[in-house]
Amino acid sequence: MAVEVQGEQHFEPVWGEENLRRVQRNDEIKRKRCKANGMSLIRVKRRESMDINDDEIRTVVEQAAASPGTIIDLY
């Protein structure tokens, strides 16, 4: 299982359009590799992660563990 906390640079051209496209391309490669290898990936958008409580985290981790290769977006 992997957890990635994604900052604004994953969604907006913080460092320019070319860098945004590169980050998003890398995110897609990572997603595909995790899925292909039966590895769950939990992606958390940084700003929203401040509102997630312990019970929500526990539930998401249990879901990811129960279904290898699951991609869960918390944003």
N, C-alpha and C. Protein backbone atom coordinates (compact mmCIF):
# COMPACT_ATOMS: atom_id res chain seq x y z
N MET A 1 0.84 -1.16 0.00
CA MET A 1 0.00 0.00 0.00
C MET A 1 0.89 1.24 0.00
N ALA A 2 0.46 2.25 -0.75
CA ALA A 2 1.18 3.52 -0.79
C ALA A 2 0.21 4.65 -0.52
N VAL A 3 0.72 5.68 0.12
CA VAL A 3 -0.06 6.89 0.38
C VAL A 3 0.73 8.06 -0.18
N GLU A 4 0.06 8.87 -0.97
CA GLU A 4 0.71 10.06 -1.51
C GLU A 4 -0.13 11.27 -1.15
N VAL A 5 0.50 12.24 -0.50
CA VAL A 5 -0.15 13.51 -0.21
C VAL A 5 0.25 14.46 -1.34
N GLN A 6 -0.76 14.89 -2.11
CA GLN A 6 -0.50 15.69 -3.29
C GLN A 6 -0.76 17.17 -3.02
N GLY A 7 0.23 17.99 -3.31
CA GLY A 7 0.09 19.43 -3.17
C GLY A 7 -0.53 20.04 -4.41
N GLU A 8 -0.62 21.34 -4.41
CA GLU A 8 -1.26 22.08 -5.50
C GLU A 8 -0.60 21.84 -6.85
N GLN A 9 0.71 21.53 -6.84
CA GLN A 9 1.43 21.34 -8.11
C GLN A 9 0.90 20.15 -8.90
N HIS A 10 0.07 19.30 -8.29
CA HIS A 10 -0.54 18.17 -8.98
C HIS A 10 -1.81 18.58 -9.73
N PHE A 11 -2.32 19.79 -9.44
CA PHE A 11 -3.61 20.22 -9.97
C PHE A 11 -3.57 21.57 -10.68
N GLU A 12 -2.58 22.38 -10.35
CA GLU A 12 -2.49 23.73 -10.91
C GLU A 12 -1.06 24.01 -11.38
N PRO A 13 -0.91 24.89 -12.37
CA PRO A 13 0.42 25.16 -12.93
C PRO A 13 1.28 26.05 -12.03
N VAL A 14 1.56 25.56 -10.82
CA VAL A 14 2.35 26.33 -9.85
C VAL A 14 3.69 26.72 -10.45
N TRP A 15 4.33 25.79 -11.14
CA TRP A 15 5.64 26.04 -11.75
C TRP A 15 5.56 26.01 -13.28
N GLY A 16 4.40 26.34 -13.82
CA GLY A 16 4.21 26.39 -15.26
C GLY A 16 3.45 25.18 -15.81
N GLU A 17 2.89 25.38 -16.99
CA GLU A 17 2.07 24.34 -17.63
C GLU A 17 2.86 23.07 -17.93
N GLU A 18 4.09 23.23 -18.40
CA GLU A 18 4.90 22.06 -18.75
C GLU A 18 5.17 21.19 -17.52
N ASN A 19 5.48 21.82 -16.41
CA ASN A 19 5.72 21.06 -15.18
C ASN A 19 4.43 20.39 -14.68
N LEU A 20 3.30 21.07 -14.81
CA LEU A 20 2.02 20.47 -14.42
C LEU A 20 1.77 19.22 -15.24
N ARG A 21 1.96 19.30 -16.55
CA ARG A 21 1.76 18.12 -17.41
C ARG A 21 2.71 16.98 -17.02
N ARG A 22 3.96 17.31 -16.69
CA ARG A 22 4.93 16.30 -16.28
C ARG A 22 4.50 15.63 -14.97
N VAL A 23 4.08 16.42 -14.00
CA VAL A 23 3.62 15.87 -12.72
C VAL A 23 2.41 14.98 -12.94
N GLN A 24 1.46 15.42 -13.73
CA GLN A 24 0.25 14.63 -13.98
C GLN A 24 0.56 13.36 -14.77
N ARG A 25 1.52 13.43 -15.68
CA ARG A 25 1.96 12.23 -16.42
C ARG A 25 2.57 11.23 -15.44
N ASN A 26 3.43 11.72 -14.56
CA ASN A 26 4.04 10.85 -13.55
C ASN A 26 3.00 10.26 -12.61
N ASP A 27 2.00 11.05 -12.24
CA ASP A 27 0.92 10.54 -11.39
C ASP A 27 0.18 9.39 -12.08
N GLU A 28 -0.07 9.53 -13.37
CA GLU A 28 -0.78 8.48 -14.11
C GLU A 28 0.07 7.21 -14.22
N ILE A 29 1.37 7.37 -14.46
CA ILE A 29 2.28 6.21 -14.50
C ILE A 29 2.27 5.50 -13.15
N LYS A 30 2.37 6.26 -12.09
CA LYS A 30 2.36 5.70 -10.73
C LYS A 30 1.06 4.93 -10.47
N ARG A 31 -0.07 5.54 -10.85
CA ARG A 31 -1.37 4.90 -10.66
C ARG A 31 -1.43 3.57 -11.41
N LYS A 32 -1.01 3.56 -12.65
CA LYS A 32 -1.05 2.34 -13.46
C LYS A 32 -0.13 1.26 -12.90
N ARG A 33 1.07 1.65 -12.47
CA ARG A 33 2.01 0.67 -11.92
C ARG A 33 1.50 0.07 -10.61
N CYS A 34 0.93 0.90 -9.77
CA CYS A 34 0.37 0.38 -8.51
C CYS A 34 -0.73 -0.62 -8.82
N LYS A 35 -1.65 -0.25 -9.69
CA LYS A 35 -2.77 -1.12 -10.03
C LYS A 35 -2.27 -2.42 -10.66
N ALA A 36 -1.32 -2.32 -11.59
CA ALA A 36 -0.80 -3.50 -12.28
C ALA A 36 -0.09 -4.46 -11.33
N ASN A 37 0.47 -3.92 -10.25
CA ASN A 37 1.21 -4.74 -9.30
C ASN A 37 0.40 -5.09 -8.05
N GLY A 38 -0.90 -4.83 -8.09
CA GLY A 38 -1.76 -5.18 -6.97
C GLY A 38 -1.47 -4.37 -5.72
N MET A 39 -0.98 -3.17 -5.92
CA MET A 39 -0.64 -2.30 -4.79
C MET A 39 -1.66 -1.19 -4.69
N SER A 40 -2.31 -1.08 -3.55
CA SER A 40 -3.29 -0.02 -3.36
C SER A 40 -2.58 1.32 -3.24
N LEU A 41 -3.24 2.37 -3.73
CA LEU A 41 -2.69 3.72 -3.68
C LEU A 41 -3.77 4.64 -3.13
N ILE A 42 -3.43 5.33 -2.05
CA ILE A 42 -4.34 6.32 -1.47
C ILE A 42 -3.73 7.68 -1.77
N ARG A 43 -4.49 8.51 -2.50
CA ARG A 43 -4.01 9.84 -2.86
C ARG A 43 -4.82 10.87 -2.07
N VAL A 44 -4.10 11.71 -1.35
CA VAL A 44 -4.74 12.71 -0.50
C VAL A 44 -4.32 14.09 -0.97
N LYS A 45 -5.30 14.94 -1.26
CA LYS A 45 -4.99 16.31 -1.61
C LYS A 45 -4.65 17.06 -0.33
N ARG A 46 -3.48 17.64 -0.28
CA ARG A 46 -2.93 18.22 0.95
C ARG A 46 -3.89 19.11 1.72
N ARG A 47 -4.48 20.05 1.09
CA ARG A 47 -5.36 21.00 1.79
C ARG A 47 -6.53 20.28 2.44
N GLU A 48 -7.13 19.34 1.73
CA GLU A 48 -8.27 18.62 2.27
C GLU A 48 -7.87 17.63 3.37
N SER A 49 -6.62 17.22 3.38
CA SER A 49 -6.18 16.22 4.36
C SER A 49 -6.30 16.75 5.79
N MET A 50 -6.36 18.04 5.96
CA MET A 50 -6.49 18.61 7.30
C MET A 50 -7.85 18.31 7.92
N ASP A 51 -8.84 17.95 7.09
CA ASP A 51 -10.20 17.71 7.57
C ASP A 51 -10.51 16.23 7.77
N ILE A 52 -9.56 15.36 7.58
CA ILE A 52 -9.80 13.92 7.68
C ILE A 52 -9.56 13.48 9.12
N ASN A 53 -10.54 12.77 9.68
CA ASN A 53 -10.37 12.33 11.07
C ASN A 53 -9.85 10.89 11.12
N ASP A 54 -9.50 10.43 12.31
CA ASP A 54 -8.89 9.11 12.48
C ASP A 54 -9.79 7.98 11.98
N ASP A 55 -11.09 8.08 12.22
CA ASP A 55 -12.01 7.03 11.76
C ASP A 55 -12.04 6.94 10.24
N GLU A 56 -12.02 8.09 9.57
CA GLU A 56 -12.01 8.11 8.10
C GLU A 56 -10.72 7.49 7.57
N ILE A 57 -9.61 7.82 8.19
CA ILE A 57 -8.33 7.25 7.78
C ILE A 57 -8.35 5.74 7.95
N ARG A 58 -8.80 5.29 9.09
CA ARG A 58 -8.87 3.85 9.37
C ARG A 58 -9.73 3.14 8.32
N THR A 59 -10.88 3.71 8.00
CA THR A 59 -11.78 3.11 7.01
C THR A 59 -11.12 3.01 5.64
N VAL A 60 -10.47 4.07 5.22
CA VAL A 60 -9.82 4.08 3.90
C VAL A 60 -8.69 3.06 3.85
N VAL A 61 -7.88 2.99 4.90
CA VAL A 61 -6.78 2.04 4.93
C VAL A 61 -7.32 0.61 4.92
N GLU A 62 -8.39 0.35 5.64
CA GLU A 62 -9.00 -0.98 5.64
C GLU A 62 -9.53 -1.34 4.26
N GLN A 63 -10.16 -0.37 3.57
CA GLN A 63 -10.67 -0.61 2.21
C GLN A 63 -9.51 -0.93 1.27
N ALA A 64 -8.44 -0.17 1.36
CA ALA A 64 -7.29 -0.38 0.48
C ALA A 64 -6.65 -1.73 0.76
N ALA A 65 -6.56 -2.12 2.03
CA ALA A 65 -5.96 -3.41 2.38
C ALA A 65 -6.82 -4.57 1.93
N ALA A 66 -8.14 -4.40 1.97
CA ALA A 66 -9.06 -5.47 1.59
C ALA A 66 -9.13 -5.69 0.08
N SER A 67 -8.76 -4.67 -0.69
CA SER A 67 -8.84 -4.75 -2.15
C SER A 67 -7.52 -4.30 -2.77
N PRO A 68 -6.53 -5.18 -2.82
CA PRO A 68 -5.25 -4.80 -3.42
C PRO A 68 -5.42 -4.25 -4.84
N GLY A 69 -4.68 -3.23 -5.14
CA GLY A 69 -4.77 -2.61 -6.47
C GLY A 69 -5.80 -1.49 -6.54
N THR A 70 -6.44 -1.20 -5.40
CA THR A 70 -7.44 -0.13 -5.35
C THR A 70 -6.78 1.22 -5.36
N ILE A 71 -7.38 2.16 -6.08
CA ILE A 71 -6.92 3.55 -6.09
C ILE A 71 -8.01 4.35 -5.38
N ILE A 72 -7.63 5.02 -4.30
CA ILE A 72 -8.60 5.80 -3.53
C ILE A 72 -8.13 7.25 -3.51
N ASP A 73 -9.00 8.14 -3.95
CA ASP A 73 -8.69 9.57 -3.95
C ASP A 73 -9.47 10.24 -2.83
N LEU A 74 -8.78 10.92 -1.94
CA LEU A 74 -9.41 11.66 -0.86
C LEU A 74 -9.31 13.14 -1.18
N TYR A 75 -10.13 13.57 -2.13
CA TYR A 75 -10.25 15.00 -2.45
C TYR A 75 -11.48 15.22 -3.30
